[in-house]
Amino acid sequence: MTAWLLGLHRLDTGRHVAWAVLCVDARYCSVALPGVSTLVRRLLSGSEWKAVDGELGLGLNPWPLPPSGAIARALASEAGSSVVCQWVTAFDVIASPLDVALALDNRLLSEPHPVVTKGGAESNE
């Protein structure tokens, strides 16, 4: 099964806000915020998953996703238009059915969040 890693960024500054992972086959949608040790789960309805699957089926481009799209609404709806979602990579999930969520959690938690320095620049640590 395939999962997608996406970055969430502030539209006005381009600054990193969070990482997110989507996996339609596992009905998995979670967000990792910098400095927070627990993931934010996104619970989508059947129709929302169908819309996300449809958007993924069209293919993702390397530029920000439309804020009105199903993926952006699933990941950053409460942020309104101030946060954009951008596809980073797709990856295969290799795990037993009972371990898929744990494998996706571990992948999401392993992504480094950029650290903002005193001058405002971001670096990965």
Foldseek 3Di string as FASTA:
>chain_A
DKKFKKWKAFPVPRATAWIWMDDLVLQFTWIGGPPDPDIHGFHDDPVLSVQVVVVVVVPFDQDWDPCPGSVNCRHPVVVPPRMTMGTDDMDDQDDPSVCRNVSVVVVRSPDFHWDQDPVRDTDTD
